[in-house]
Amino acid sequence: MVVLGGYLGAGKTTLVNALLRNAEGLRVTVLVNDFGSINVDAALIRERGDDVIGLENGCVCCTIGGRLVETLIALGERAERPDLLVIEASGVSDPSRIAQVGLLDSAFRLHGIVVAVDVEGIEAALDDRYVGDIVQRQLIAASTLVLTKTDLVDEDKVASVRRRLTSLGATQIVVTASEGRVPPAILFPDEAMRVPGLLSTHPMRRASHALPRGLRSFNVEAGGVFDRARLKAALALFPEKLLRAKGFVSLRAGQVSELHVVGRRSMLTRRPDLTASSSTIVLIGIFSDEDQRLLTQALVSAVL
């Protein structure tokens, strides 16, 4: 599950359209508040109902309005669930809260909170006395920021926006959209979940639109049992640099929990069906060699 946020006019609809047109054979379901601005090519549409658009490539668009929980329950009960569920948050909502609602259904796992940033208008929005707080909360909630409308400004403006984002403590995982397209590895960090095994690792795929400079992944393995509080503290060392973390960890002798971290959000799920003699965590983010050393040291030190 990916939550797509961003202030009014940030380009969320363009990102949704690009995603639907470039689904690469995946079953994608997009939950949106309104279809008025989702102009999908007529050739792609298989059927259109009052609240559903079915596409020839297997993707589906659904309106949600105030029925998010009910819609998620219905999707979770399907025999064939989507490979990717995208929830488009309204322009004035907090995507972090939307993600929290989405996680109420155990059928879905949060893969990211992607927030679109209109580089032409974001600074004015942040300085607005009425909506500035809303916009800032959206930016801080993001695990990935997508810069849009960069073709309308010069390089100095883009650099100014990047500095402003850094000053807010926003994530350093920042990509630039090209006609609404972003690197597939940002939306599909597990190769679209088609490869079996939670800990299967793959290099981040290159594309015509490059991934953020310095994005890397590494593994940490540790024997023994983790202290829950120290584990969470270690994973919170670099919240602005961490894109995702995942793995299996022992929190009690003979007990295994599944770990998922997206930006500043972490979740541990008990897995009584599994046993493991050691813990393994895969971390993905923008890390220097020193960051990697410190984070590895903190995780190993969190073992009792």
C-alpha atoms as a PDB file:
ATOM      1  CA  MET A   1       0.000   0.000   0.000  1.00  0.00           C
ATOM      2  CA  VAL A   2       1.247   3.463  -0.958  1.00  0.00           C
ATOM      3  CA  VAL A   3      -0.383   6.675   0.244  1.00  0.00           C
ATOM      4  CA  LEU A   4      -0.052   9.546  -2.228  1.00  0.00           C
ATOM      5  CA  GLY A   5      -0.317  13.018  -0.729  1.00  0.00           C
ATOM      6  CA  GLY A   6       0.483  16.617  -1.554  1.00  0.00           C
ATOM      7  CA  TYR A   7      -1.144  20.035  -1.345  1.00  0.00           C
ATOM      8  CA  LEU A   8      -3.763  21.211  -3.839  1.00  0.00           C
ATOM      9  CA  GLY A   9      -2.300  21.472  -7.331  1.00  0.00           C
ATOM     10  CA  ALA A  10       0.881  19.563  -6.489  1.00  0.00           C
ATOM     11  CA  GLY A  11       0.391  17.109  -9.367  1.00  0.00           C
ATOM     12  CA  LYS A  12      -1.022  14.027  -7.643  1.00  0.00           C
ATOM     13  CA  THR A  13      -3.437  13.328 -10.500  1.00  0.00           C
ATOM     14  CA  THR A  14      -0.591  13.410 -13.032  1.00  0.00           C
ATOM     15  CA  LEU A  15       1.317  10.872 -10.919  1.00  0.00           C
ATOM     16  CA  VAL A  16      -1.759   8.625 -10.708  1.00  0.00           C
ATOM     17  CA  ASN A  17      -2.293   8.753 -14.470  1.00  0.00           C
ATOM     18  CA  ALA A  18       1.342   7.904 -15.140  1.00  0.00           C
ATOM     19  CA  LEU A  19       1.161   5.006 -12.708  1.00  0.00           C
ATOM     20  CA  LEU A  20      -1.956   3.584 -14.360  1.00  0.00           C
ATOM     21  CA  ARG A  21      -0.456   3.872 -17.850  1.00  0.00           C
ATOM     22  CA  ASN A  22       2.815   2.248 -16.810  1.00  0.00           C
ATOM     23  CA  ALA A  23       1.636  -0.538 -14.493  1.00  0.00           C
ATOM     24  CA  GLU A  24       3.887  -3.101 -16.230  1.00  0.00           C
ATOM     25  CA  GLY A  25       1.371  -5.929 -15.981  1.00  0.00           C
ATOM     26  CA  LEU A  26       0.624  -5.428 -12.276  1.00  0.00           C
ATOM     27  CA  ARG A  27      -2.813  -5.371 -10.715  1.00  0.00           C
ATOM     28  CA  VAL A  28      -3.008  -1.839  -9.326  1.00  0.00           C
ATOM     29  CA  THR A  29      -5.974  -0.416  -7.448  1.00  0.00           C
ATOM     30  CA  VAL A  30      -6.126   3.332  -6.897  1.00  0.00           C
ATOM     31  CA  LEU A  31      -8.548   4.790  -4.368  1.00  0.00           C
ATOM     32  CA  VAL A  32      -9.353   8.441  -5.083  1.00  0.00           C
ATOM     33  CA  ASN A  33     -11.857  10.976  -3.826  1.00  0.00           C
ATOM     34  CA  ASP A  34     -13.056  12.049  -7.234  1.00  0.00           C
ATOM     35  CA  PHE A  35     -12.817  10.886 -10.836  1.00  0.00           C
ATOM     36  CA  GLY A  36     -13.347  14.339 -12.321  1.00  0.00           C
ATOM     37  CA  SER A  37      -9.663  14.973 -12.956  1.00  0.00           C
ATOM     38  CA  ILE A  38      -8.556  11.375 -13.613  1.00  0.00           C
ATOM     39  CA  ASN A  39      -8.469  11.534 -17.397  1.00  0.00           C
ATOM     40  CA  VAL A  40      -7.475   7.997 -18.316  1.00  0.00           C
ATOM     41  CA  ASP A  41      -7.010   7.272 -22.036  1.00  0.00           C
ATOM     42  CA  ALA A  42     -10.261   5.927 -23.475  1.00  0.00           C
ATOM     43  CA  ALA A  43      -8.356   3.048 -25.111  1.00  0.00           C
ATOM     44  CA  LEU A  44      -7.338   1.817 -21.657  1.00  0.00           C
ATOM     45  CA  ILE A  45     -10.830   1.758 -20.173  1.00  0.00           C
ATOM     46  CA  ARG A  46     -12.540  -1.635 -20.087  1.00  0.00           C
ATOM     47  CA  GLU A  47     -15.640  -0.573 -18.179  1.00  0.00           C
ATOM     48  CA  ARG A  48     -16.921   2.416 -16.256  1.00  0.00           C
ATOM     49  CA  GLY A  49     -19.416   2.369 -13.412  1.00  0.00           C
ATOM     50  CA  ASP A  50     -20.705   4.936 -10.960  1.00  0.00           C
ATOM     51  CA  ASP A  51     -17.722   4.540  -8.660  1.00  0.00           C
ATOM     52  CA  VAL A  52     -15.327   2.210 -10.508  1.00  0.00           C
ATOM     53  CA  ILE A  53     -13.222   2.467 -13.655  1.00  0.00           C
ATOM     54  CA  GLY A  54     -11.807  -0.860 -14.844  1.00  0.00           C
ATOM     55  CA  LEU A  55      -8.791  -0.687 -17.171  1.00  0.00           C
ATOM     56  CA  GLU A  56      -7.631  -3.078 -19.870  1.00  0.00           C
ATOM     57  CA  ASN A  57      -4.260  -3.514 -18.119  1.00  0.00           C
ATOM     58  CA  GLY A  58      -5.942  -4.962 -15.037  1.00  0.00           C
ATOM     59  CA  CYS A  59      -5.820  -1.774 -12.983  1.00  0.00           C
ATOM     60  CA  VAL A  60      -8.850  -0.355 -11.202  1.00  0.00           C
ATOM     61  CA  CYS A  61      -9.823   3.126  -9.992  1.00  0.00           C
ATOM     62  CA  CYS A  62     -12.385   3.423  -7.206  1.00  0.00           C
ATOM     63  CA  THR A  63     -13.980   6.436  -5.582  1.00  0.00           C
ATOM     64  CA  ILE A  64     -13.915   6.351  -1.791  1.00  0.00           C
ATOM     65  CA  GLY A  65     -15.387   9.560  -0.412  1.00  0.00           C
ATOM     66  CA  GLY A  66     -15.884   8.841   3.303  1.00  0.00           C
ATOM     67  CA  ARG A  67     -15.896   5.070   2.834  1.00  0.00           C
ATOM     68  CA  LEU A  68     -12.171   4.313   3.108  1.00  0.00           C
ATOM     69  CA  VAL A  69     -12.448   1.668   5.825  1.00  0.00           C
ATOM     70  CA  GLU A  70     -15.341  -0.112   4.115  1.00  0.00           C
ATOM     71  CA  THR A  71     -13.515  -0.073   0.766  1.00  0.00           C
ATOM     72  CA  LEU A  72     -10.324  -1.479   2.311  1.00  0.00           C
ATOM     73  CA  ILE A  73     -12.267  -4.305   3.989  1.00  0.00           C
ATOM     74  CA  ALA A  74     -13.901  -5.202   0.664  1.00  0.00           C
ATOM     75  CA  LEU A  75     -10.536  -5.215  -1.129  1.00  0.00           C
ATOM     76  CA  GLY A  76      -8.957  -7.324   1.602  1.00  0.00           C
ATOM     77  CA  GLU A  77     -11.669  -9.953   1.243  1.00  0.00           C
ATOM     78  CA  ARG A  78     -11.104 -10.422  -2.491  1.00  0.00           C
ATOM     79  CA  ALA A  79      -9.658 -13.738  -3.661  1.00  0.00           C
ATOM     80  CA  GLU A  80      -7.162 -11.802  -5.817  1.00  0.00           C
ATOM     81  CA  ARG A  81      -5.941  -8.739  -4.007  1.00  0.00           C
ATOM     82  CA  PRO A  82      -4.093  -6.011  -5.933  1.00  0.00           C
ATOM     83  CA  ASP A  83      -0.300  -6.154  -6.292  1.00  0.00           C
ATOM     84  CA  LEU A  84      -0.281  -2.502  -5.311  1.00  0.00           C
ATOM     85  CA  LEU A  85      -2.922  -0.384  -3.574  1.00  0.00           C
ATOM     86  CA  VAL A  86      -2.558   3.392  -3.928  1.00  0.00           C
ATOM     87  CA  ILE A  87      -4.653   5.730  -1.786  1.00  0.00           C
ATOM     88  CA  GLU A  88      -4.706   9.291  -3.064  1.00  0.00           C
ATOM     89  CA  ALA A  89      -5.172  11.632  -0.107  1.00  0.00           C
ATOM     90  CA  SER A  90      -7.041  14.891  -0.638  1.00  0.00           C
ATOM     91  CA  GLY A  91      -4.959  18.029  -1.033  1.00  0.00           C
ATOM     92  CA  VAL A  92      -5.684  19.281   2.498  1.00  0.00           C
ATOM     93  CA  SER A  93      -5.456  15.981   4.380  1.00  0.00           C
ATOM     94  CA  ASP A  94      -2.618  14.483   6.404  1.00  0.00           C
ATOM     95  CA  PRO A  95      -1.286  11.418   4.500  1.00  0.00           C
ATOM     96  CA  SER A  96       0.116  10.051   7.734  1.00  0.00           C
ATOM     97  CA  ARG A  97      -3.406   9.741   9.154  1.00  0.00           C
ATOM     98  CA  ILE A  98      -4.613   8.089   5.944  1.00  0.00           C
ATOM     99  CA  ALA A  99      -1.786   5.551   6.276  1.00  0.00           C
ATOM    100  CA  GLN A 100      -2.818   4.883   9.871  1.00  0.00           C
ATOM    101  CA  VAL A 101      -6.364   4.087   8.740  1.00  0.00           C
ATOM    102  CA  GLY A 102      -5.046   1.865   5.964  1.00  0.00           C
ATOM    103  CA  LEU A 103      -3.010  -0.168   8.423  1.00  0.00           C
ATOM    104  CA  LEU A 104      -6.156  -1.098  10.369  1.00  0.00           C
ATOM    105  CA  ASP A 105      -6.621  -3.919   7.846  1.00  0.00           C
ATOM    106  CA  SER A 106      -3.902  -6.559   8.214  1.00  0.00           C
ATOM    107  CA  ALA A 107      -4.402  -7.535   4.555  1.00  0.00           C
ATOM    108  CA  PHE A 108      -2.312  -4.515   3.530  1.00  0.00           C
ATOM    109  CA  ARG A 109       1.220  -3.432   4.359  1.00  0.00           C
ATOM    110  CA  LEU A 110       2.476   0.139   4.072  1.00  0.00           C
ATOM    111  CA  HIS A 111       5.199   0.483   1.424  1.00  0.00           C
ATOM    112  CA  GLY A 112       5.497   4.235   1.418  1.00  0.00           C
ATOM    113  CA  ILE A 113       4.014   7.684   1.910  1.00  0.00           C
ATOM    114  CA  VAL A 114       4.753   9.595  -1.299  1.00  0.00           C
ATOM    115  CA  VAL A 115       4.102  13.336  -1.244  1.00  0.00           C
ATOM    116  CA  ALA A 116       4.105  15.486  -4.385  1.00  0.00           C
ATOM    117  CA  VAL A 117       5.814  18.883  -4.090  1.00  0.00           C
ATOM    118  CA  ASP A 118       5.019  21.681  -6.526  1.00  0.00           C
ATOM    119  CA  VAL A 119       8.417  23.434  -6.674  1.00  0.00           C
ATOM    120  CA  GLU A 120       6.828  26.539  -8.164  1.00  0.00           C
ATOM    121  CA  GLY A 121       4.345  27.090  -5.345  1.00  0.00           C
ATOM    122  CA  ILE A 122       5.524  25.111  -2.304  1.00  0.00           C
ATOM    123  CA  GLU A 123       7.363  27.963  -0.561  1.00  0.00           C
ATOM    124  CA  ALA A 124       4.361  30.285  -0.835  1.00  0.00           C
ATOM    125  CA  ALA A 125       2.132  27.508   0.511  1.00  0.00           C
ATOM    126  CA  LEU A 126       4.471  26.922   3.464  1.00  0.00           C
ATOM    127  CA  ASP A 127       4.471  30.649   4.272  1.00  0.00           C
ATOM    128  CA  ASP A 128       0.688  30.948   4.053  1.00  0.00           C
ATOM    129  CA  ARG A 129      -0.723  31.705   7.516  1.00  0.00           C
ATOM    130  CA  TYR A 130      -3.796  29.542   6.927  1.00  0.00           C
ATOM    131  CA  VAL A 131      -2.473  26.412   5.213  1.00  0.00           C
ATOM    132  CA  GLY A 132       1.254  26.463   6.041  1.00  0.00           C
ATOM    133  CA  ASP A 133       0.902  24.022   8.953  1.00  0.00           C
ATOM    134  CA  ILE A 134      -1.073  21.561   6.840  1.00  0.00           C
ATOM    135  CA  VAL A 135       1.526  21.633   4.061  1.00  0.00           C
ATOM    136  CA  GLN A 136       4.388  21.182   6.528  1.00  0.00           C
ATOM    137  CA  ARG A 137       2.709  18.158   8.142  1.00  0.00           C
ATOM    138  CA  GLN A 138       2.298  16.592   4.704  1.00  0.00           C
ATOM    139  CA  LEU A 139       6.005  17.038   3.940  1.00  0.00           C
ATOM    140  CA  ILE A 140       7.180  15.680   7.297  1.00  0.00           C
ATOM    141  CA  ALA A 141       4.945  12.610   6.911  1.00  0.00           C
ATOM    142  CA  ALA A 142       6.549  11.578   3.612  1.00  0.00           C
ATOM    143  CA  SER A 143       8.930   8.672   3.177  1.00  0.00           C
ATOM    144  CA  THR A 144       9.531   9.962  -0.380  1.00  0.00           C
ATOM    145  CA  LEU A 145       9.091  13.442  -1.828  1.00  0.00           C
ATOM    146  CA  VAL A 146       8.418  13.863  -5.560  1.00  0.00           C
ATOM    147  CA  LEU A 147       9.292  17.246  -7.063  1.00  0.00           C
ATOM    148  CA  THR A 148       6.814  18.288  -9.769  1.00  0.00           C
ATOM    149  CA  LYS A 149       6.647  21.176 -12.267  1.00  0.00           C
ATOM    150  CA  THR A 150      10.433  21.554 -12.271  1.00  0.00           C
ATOM    151  CA  ASP A 151      10.226  22.498 -15.960  1.00  0.00           C
ATOM    152  CA  LEU A 152       8.500  25.754 -14.954  1.00  0.00           C
ATOM    153  CA  VAL A 153      11.361  27.080 -12.795  1.00  0.00           C
ATOM    154  CA  ASP A 154      15.132  27.472 -12.984  1.00  0.00           C
ATOM    155  CA  GLU A 155      17.766  25.413 -11.145  1.00  0.00           C
ATOM    156  CA  ASP A 156      18.184  28.069  -8.438  1.00  0.00           C
ATOM    157  CA  LYS A 157      14.501  27.730  -7.519  1.00  0.00           C
ATOM    158  CA  VAL A 158      14.768  23.933  -7.312  1.00  0.00           C
ATOM    159  CA  ALA A 159      17.856  24.277  -5.079  1.00  0.00           C
ATOM    160  CA  SER A 160      15.995  26.758  -2.861  1.00  0.00           C
ATOM    161  CA  VAL A 161      13.090  24.344  -2.452  1.00  0.00           C
ATOM    162  CA  ARG A 162      15.459  21.490  -1.577  1.00  0.00           C
ATOM    163  CA  ARG A 163      17.102  23.642   1.121  1.00  0.00           C
ATOM    164  CA  ARG A 164      13.689  24.555   2.521  1.00  0.00           C
ATOM    165  CA  LEU A 165      12.679  20.900   2.679  1.00  0.00           C
ATOM    166  CA  THR A 166      15.917  20.034   4.474  1.00  0.00           C
ATOM    167  CA  SER A 167      15.369  22.827   7.009  1.00  0.00           C
ATOM    168  CA  LEU A 168      11.973  21.327   7.873  1.00  0.00           C
ATOM    169  CA  GLY A 169      13.534  17.960   8.651  1.00  0.00           C
ATOM    170  CA  ALA A 170      11.742  16.347   5.700  1.00  0.00           C
ATOM    171  CA  THR A 171      13.019  13.126   4.176  1.00  0.00           C
ATOM    172  CA  GLN A 172      16.142  13.245   2.010  1.00  0.00           C
ATOM    173  CA  ILE A 173      14.601  10.668  -0.334  1.00  0.00           C
ATOM    174  CA  VAL A 174      13.685  13.153  -3.070  1.00  0.00           C
ATOM    175  CA  VAL A 175      13.041  12.358  -6.736  1.00  0.00           C
ATOM    176  CA  THR A 176      11.975  14.471  -9.709  1.00  0.00           C
ATOM    177  CA  ALA A 177       8.925  13.431 -11.702  1.00  0.00           C
ATOM    178  CA  SER A 178       9.214  13.263 -15.486  1.00  0.00           C
ATOM    179  CA  GLU A 179       5.751  13.676 -17.019  1.00  0.00           C
ATOM    180  CA  GLY A 180       4.364  12.187 -13.814  1.00  0.00           C
ATOM    181  CA  ARG A 181       6.657   9.139 -13.877  1.00  0.00           C
ATOM    182  CA  VAL A 182       8.947   8.315 -10.965  1.00  0.00           C
ATOM    183  CA  PRO A 183      11.554   5.539 -10.568  1.00  0.00           C
ATOM    184  CA  PRO A 184       9.704   2.204 -10.200  1.00  0.00           C
ATOM    185  CA  ALA A 185      11.948   1.266  -7.259  1.00  0.00           C
ATOM    186  CA  ILE A 186      10.396   4.104  -5.221  1.00  0.00           C
ATOM    187  CA  LEU A 187       6.867   2.734  -5.564  1.00  0.00           C
ATOM    188  CA  PHE A 188       7.858  -0.915  -5.878  1.00  0.00           C
ATOM    189  CA  PRO A 189      10.842  -1.435  -3.527  1.00  0.00           C
ATOM    190  CA  ASP A 190      10.252  -5.198  -3.462  1.00  0.00           C
ATOM    191  CA  GLU A 191      10.133  -5.554  -7.247  1.00  0.00           C
ATOM    192  CA  ALA A 192       6.352  -5.234  -7.001  1.00  0.00           C
ATOM    193  CA  MET A 193       6.208  -8.092  -4.493  1.00  0.00           C
ATOM    194  CA  ARG A 194       6.439 -10.702  -7.259  1.00  0.00           C
ATOM    195  CA  VAL A 195       9.616 -12.283  -5.887  1.00  0.00           C
ATOM    196  CA  PRO A 196       8.906 -14.739  -3.044  1.00  0.00           C
ATOM    197  CA  GLY A 197      10.625 -14.173   0.279  1.00  0.00           C
ATOM    198  CA  LEU A 198      10.407 -11.033   2.391  1.00  0.00           C
ATOM    199  CA  LEU A 199      14.169 -10.670   2.543  1.00  0.00           C
ATOM    200  CA  SER A 200      14.911 -11.133  -1.147  1.00  0.00           C
ATOM    201  CA  THR A 201      17.153  -8.176  -1.995  1.00  0.00           C
ATOM    202  CA  HIS A 202      17.561  -6.566  -5.389  1.00  0.00           C
ATOM    203  CA  PRO A 203      19.594  -3.565  -6.540  1.00  0.00           C
ATOM    204  CA  MET A 204      17.575  -0.431  -7.067  1.00  0.00           C
ATOM    205  CA  ARG A 205      16.675  -0.332 -10.755  1.00  0.00           C
ATOM    206  CA  ARG A 206      18.004   2.503 -12.888  1.00  0.00           C
ATOM    207  CA  ALA A 207      15.627   4.341 -15.163  1.00  0.00           C
ATOM    208  CA  SER A 208      15.519   7.291 -17.541  1.00  0.00           C
ATOM    209  CA  HIS A 209      14.618   9.285 -14.429  1.00  0.00           C
ATOM    210  CA  ALA A 210      17.363   8.527 -11.918  1.00  0.00           C
ATOM    211  CA  LEU A 211      17.026   7.441  -8.331  1.00  0.00           C
ATOM    212  CA  PRO A 212      18.229   9.790  -5.573  1.00  0.00           C
ATOM    213  CA  ARG A 213      22.011   9.977  -5.419  1.00  0.00           C
ATOM    214  CA  GLY A 214      23.438   7.837  -2.631  1.00  0.00           C
ATOM    215  CA  LEU A 215      20.451   5.495  -2.294  1.00  0.00           C
ATOM    216  CA  ARG A 216      21.751   2.157  -1.028  1.00  0.00           C
ATOM    217  CA  SER A 217      20.625  -0.980   0.760  1.00  0.00           C
ATOM    218  CA  PHE A 218      22.456  -3.142   3.292  1.00  0.00           C
ATOM    219  CA  ASN A 219      21.733  -6.013   5.666  1.00  0.00           C
ATOM    220  CA  VAL A 220      22.264  -6.305   9.409  1.00  0.00           C
ATOM    221  CA  GLU A 221      22.300  -9.759  11.010  1.00  0.00           C
ATOM    222  CA  ALA A 222      22.369 -10.353  14.750  1.00  0.00           C
ATOM    223  CA  GLY A 223      22.013 -13.308  17.081  1.00  0.00           C
ATOM    224  CA  GLY A 224      20.126 -13.190  20.359  1.00  0.00           C
ATOM    225  CA  VAL A 225      16.988 -11.328  21.366  1.00  0.00           C
ATOM    226  CA  PHE A 226      16.313  -7.648  20.647  1.00  0.00           C
ATOM    227  CA  ASP A 227      15.182  -5.168  23.265  1.00  0.00           C
ATOM    228  CA  ARG A 228      12.080  -3.650  21.640  1.00  0.00           C
ATOM    229  CA  ALA A 229      12.674  -0.081  22.856  1.00  0.00           C
ATOM    230  CA  ARG A 230      16.345  -0.067  21.852  1.00  0.00           C
ATOM    231  CA  LEU A 231      15.501  -1.580  18.471  1.00  0.00           C
ATOM    232  CA  LYS A 232      12.994   1.172  17.721  1.00  0.00           C
ATOM    233  CA  ALA A 233      15.433   3.819  18.963  1.00  0.00           C
ATOM    234  CA  ALA A 234      18.118   2.487  16.607  1.00  0.00           C
ATOM    235  CA  LEU A 235      15.735   2.529  13.634  1.00  0.00           C
ATOM    236  CA  ALA A 236      14.832   6.142  14.466  1.00  0.00           C
ATOM    237  CA  LEU A 237      18.440   7.383  14.273  1.00  0.00           C
ATOM    238  CA  PHE A 238      18.137   8.654  10.691  1.00  0.00           C
ATOM    239  CA  PRO A 239      14.403   9.138   9.989  1.00  0.00           C
ATOM    240  CA  GLU A 240      15.060  11.672   7.231  1.00  0.00           C
ATOM    241  CA  LYS A 241      17.414   9.251   5.439  1.00  0.00           C
ATOM    242  CA  LEU A 242      15.580   5.950   5.848  1.00  0.00           C
ATOM    243  CA  LEU A 243      13.230   4.898   3.080  1.00  0.00           C
ATOM    244  CA  ARG A 244      12.368   1.400   4.260  1.00  0.00           C
ATOM    245  CA  ALA A 245      13.509  -1.361   6.557  1.00  0.00           C
ATOM    246  CA  LYS A 246      12.181  -4.893   6.685  1.00  0.00           C
ATOM    247  CA  GLY A 247      13.098  -8.166   8.280  1.00  0.00           C
ATOM    248  CA  PHE A 248      12.504 -10.841  10.873  1.00  0.00           C
ATOM    249  CA  VAL A 249      13.611 -10.183  14.448  1.00  0.00           C
ATOM    250  CA  SER A 250      13.520 -12.083  17.741  1.00  0.00           C
ATOM    251  CA  LEU A 251      11.944 -10.127  20.582  1.00  0.00           C
ATOM    252  CA  ARG A 252      11.667 -13.111  22.916  1.00  0.00           C
ATOM    253  CA  ALA A 253      13.467 -16.420  22.954  1.00  0.00           C
ATOM    254  CA  GLY A 254      11.912 -18.669  20.325  1.00  0.00           C
ATOM    255  CA  GLN A 255       9.545 -15.943  19.076  1.00  0.00           C
ATOM    256  CA  VAL A 256       9.854 -14.162  15.729  1.00  0.00           C
ATOM    257  CA  SER A 257       8.288 -10.877  14.660  1.00  0.00           C
ATOM    258  CA  GLU A 258       8.062  -9.378  11.189  1.00  0.00           C
ATOM    259  CA  LEU A 259       9.505  -5.847  11.066  1.00  0.00           C
ATOM    260  CA  HIS A 260       8.480  -3.117   8.632  1.00  0.00           C
ATOM    261  CA  VAL A 261       9.671   0.494   8.735  1.00  0.00           C
ATOM    262  CA  VAL A 262       8.572   3.207   6.299  1.00  0.00           C
ATOM    263  CA  GLY A 263      10.284   6.514   6.995  1.00  0.00           C
ATOM    264  CA  ARG A 264       9.292   7.443  10.542  1.00  0.00           C
ATOM    265  CA  ARG A 265       6.731   4.652  10.907  1.00  0.00           C
ATOM    266  CA  SER A 266       7.581   1.210  12.261  1.00  0.00           C
ATOM    267  CA  MET A 267       5.471  -1.879  12.799  1.00  0.00           C
ATOM    268  CA  LEU A 268       6.237  -5.231  14.439  1.00  0.00           C
ATOM    269  CA  THR A 269       3.911  -8.170  13.795  1.00  0.00           C
ATOM    270  CA  ARG A 270       4.157 -11.399  15.749  1.00  0.00           C
ATOM    271  CA  ARG A 271       4.779 -14.437  13.491  1.00  0.00           C
ATOM    272  CA  PRO A 272       4.064 -17.609  15.504  1.00  0.00           C
ATOM    273  CA  ASP A 273       4.392 -19.629  12.283  1.00  0.00           C
ATOM    274  CA  LEU A 274       8.119 -18.861  12.003  1.00  0.00           C
ATOM    275  CA  THR A 275      11.253 -19.739  13.913  1.00  0.00           C
ATOM    276  CA  ALA A 276      14.716 -18.262  13.460  1.00  0.00           C
ATOM    277  CA  SER A 277      18.066 -18.601  15.175  1.00  0.00           C
ATOM    278  CA  SER A 278      19.116 -15.053  14.217  1.00  0.00           C
ATOM    279  CA  SER A 279      17.574 -11.755  13.163  1.00  0.00           C
ATOM    280  CA  THR A 280      18.028 -10.171   9.735  1.00  0.00           C
ATOM    281  CA  ILE A 281      17.083  -6.615   8.777  1.00  0.00           C
ATOM    282  CA  VAL A 282      17.360  -5.050   5.312  1.00  0.00           C
ATOM    283  CA  LEU A 283      17.661  -1.248   5.303  1.00  0.00           C
ATOM    284  CA  ILE A 284      17.161   1.040   2.282  1.00  0.00           C
ATOM    285  CA  GLY A 285      17.939   4.752   2.302  1.00  0.00           C
ATOM    286  CA  ILE A 286      20.423   7.523   1.616  1.00  0.00           C
ATOM    287  CA  PHE A 287      23.287   6.588   3.928  1.00  0.00           C
ATOM    288  CA  SER A 288      26.928   7.567   4.057  1.00  0.00           C
ATOM    289  CA  ASP A 289      29.519   4.976   5.084  1.00  0.00           C
ATOM    290  CA  GLU A 290      29.516   6.523   8.565  1.00  0.00           C
ATOM    291  CA  ASP A 291      25.694   6.440   8.750  1.00  0.00           C
ATOM    292  CA  GLN A 292      25.752   2.759   7.852  1.00  0.00           C
ATOM    293  CA  ARG A 293      28.401   2.048  10.488  1.00  0.00           C
ATOM    294  CA  LEU A 294      26.504   3.904  13.231  1.00  0.00           C
ATOM    295  CA  LEU A 295      23.158   2.350  12.343  1.00  0.00           C
ATOM    296  CA  THR A 296      24.635  -1.153  12.224  1.00  0.00           C
ATOM    297  CA  GLN A 297      26.354  -0.585  15.565  1.00  0.00           C
ATOM    298  CA  ALA A 298      23.126   0.686  17.149  1.00  0.00           C
ATOM    299  CA  LEU A 299      21.132  -2.301  15.898  1.00  0.00           C
ATOM    300  CA  VAL A 300      23.695  -4.833  17.083  1.00  0.00           C
ATOM    301  CA  SER A 301      23.840  -3.043  20.466  1.00  0.00           C
ATOM    302  CA  ALA A 302      20.056  -3.352  20.772  1.00  0.00           C
ATOM    303  CA  VAL A 303      20.425  -7.104  21.241  1.00  0.00           C
ATOM    304  CA  LEU A 304      20.129  -8.188  24.852  1.00  0.00           C
END
